[in-house]
Amino acid sequence: MLYSVWFLLLIITFLFGIHRLRTGLFELSGNQAERWLKKLAGTPFSGMLFGTAMTALLQSSSAVMVITVGLVSAKMLTFAQSIGIILGTNIGTTFTLEMLTFHLSGLILPFLGAGAVLIFFGNKRLKSAGHILFGLSLVFAAMRGFEVLAIPLSKTAFVQHLFSVLNTHAMSAFFLGILLSAAIQSSTVTIGMAMGFLGSGVFPLETGIAIMLGANIGTCITGLLASIGAGEEARLTAFTHVWLNIGGALIFLPFLHLLADGCRALSSTPEQQLAHASLLFNLISSLAVLPFSENFGRFIVTFHGKK
């Protein structure tokens, strides 16, 4: 019971840290995010580039998705223009995971102290910087907490049974990733938790990759919720994100071991291996769809358009 309470507290800390980080970054960019997306989404390629950059800047694919759905709903963007942005959001969200692989535990307290002080400054930029530092400190603290808690938590009967199922059946890990990501509306937090357990040797990389593939689908719930009542093209934009991640996951699932072996060759650190797997999955999926974005859009319209 005590471990469950600590685990819940770590999830809340991670979520709050990510929220503070995104708040600071979003305040620094102001309303420029919407203006940039509207201006620079002329072609699928340029849309993908700026969708990637915007997601990396805001540290949130969900935030960019909500902005994109809003712009499509307001008819400032067309559904066709939104496809490139969606391809970019999947790539951009991997930057957060790559950042989390750096072991910066020594910076937790300095960042926490500096952030707590800067938040109370009247200057907007200094206040935003305070939110960023404060958020980063909480995220790194939560990641370290997941690693420390993983070993004693893994010795409990329920978790041992759960991991035995996950390690034996990749689809169980896949569906767990979907459910967790949909529940907390963040693939980053779900994969971040998996990285913590992976770093402690609780389960193999293949299980972590299966969770990651599911998390990419679960996070689509945010865009779907944002599209409710937002009009036909906004709804199609949200479904594009769903199909991109479902299609990519179904293609990659049979090759879990191959992807895991490739990532082991790229890094000796389990956390980095999972972050690299996420980058490769999203990069390959988006680049594979990019040349056929018009056909992909027509498929979405045919499948989900008004009959």
Foldseek 3Di string as FASTA:
>chain_A
DVLVVLLVVLLVLLLLLLVLQLVLLCLVCDCVLLVCLLPQLPALQSLLVSLLVSCLSSLHLLVSLLSLLLCCLVVSDFLLSLLSSLLNNLQNNLNVLLVLVDLPLVCLVVLLVCLVVQCPDPDSNSNSSSSNSNSVSSNNVSLVVLLVSLVVVCPDPVNVVVQVVLQVDLVSLLQVLLVVCLVSLHLSSQLSSLLSNVQNVSHDLLSSLSSSLNVQLNNLNSQCVSNVVSDQSSNLSSVSSNCLSVVLSVVCNVVSVVLLVVLCVVDVGSSSSSSVSSNVSSNVSSVVCSVVSVVSSVVSCVVPNDD
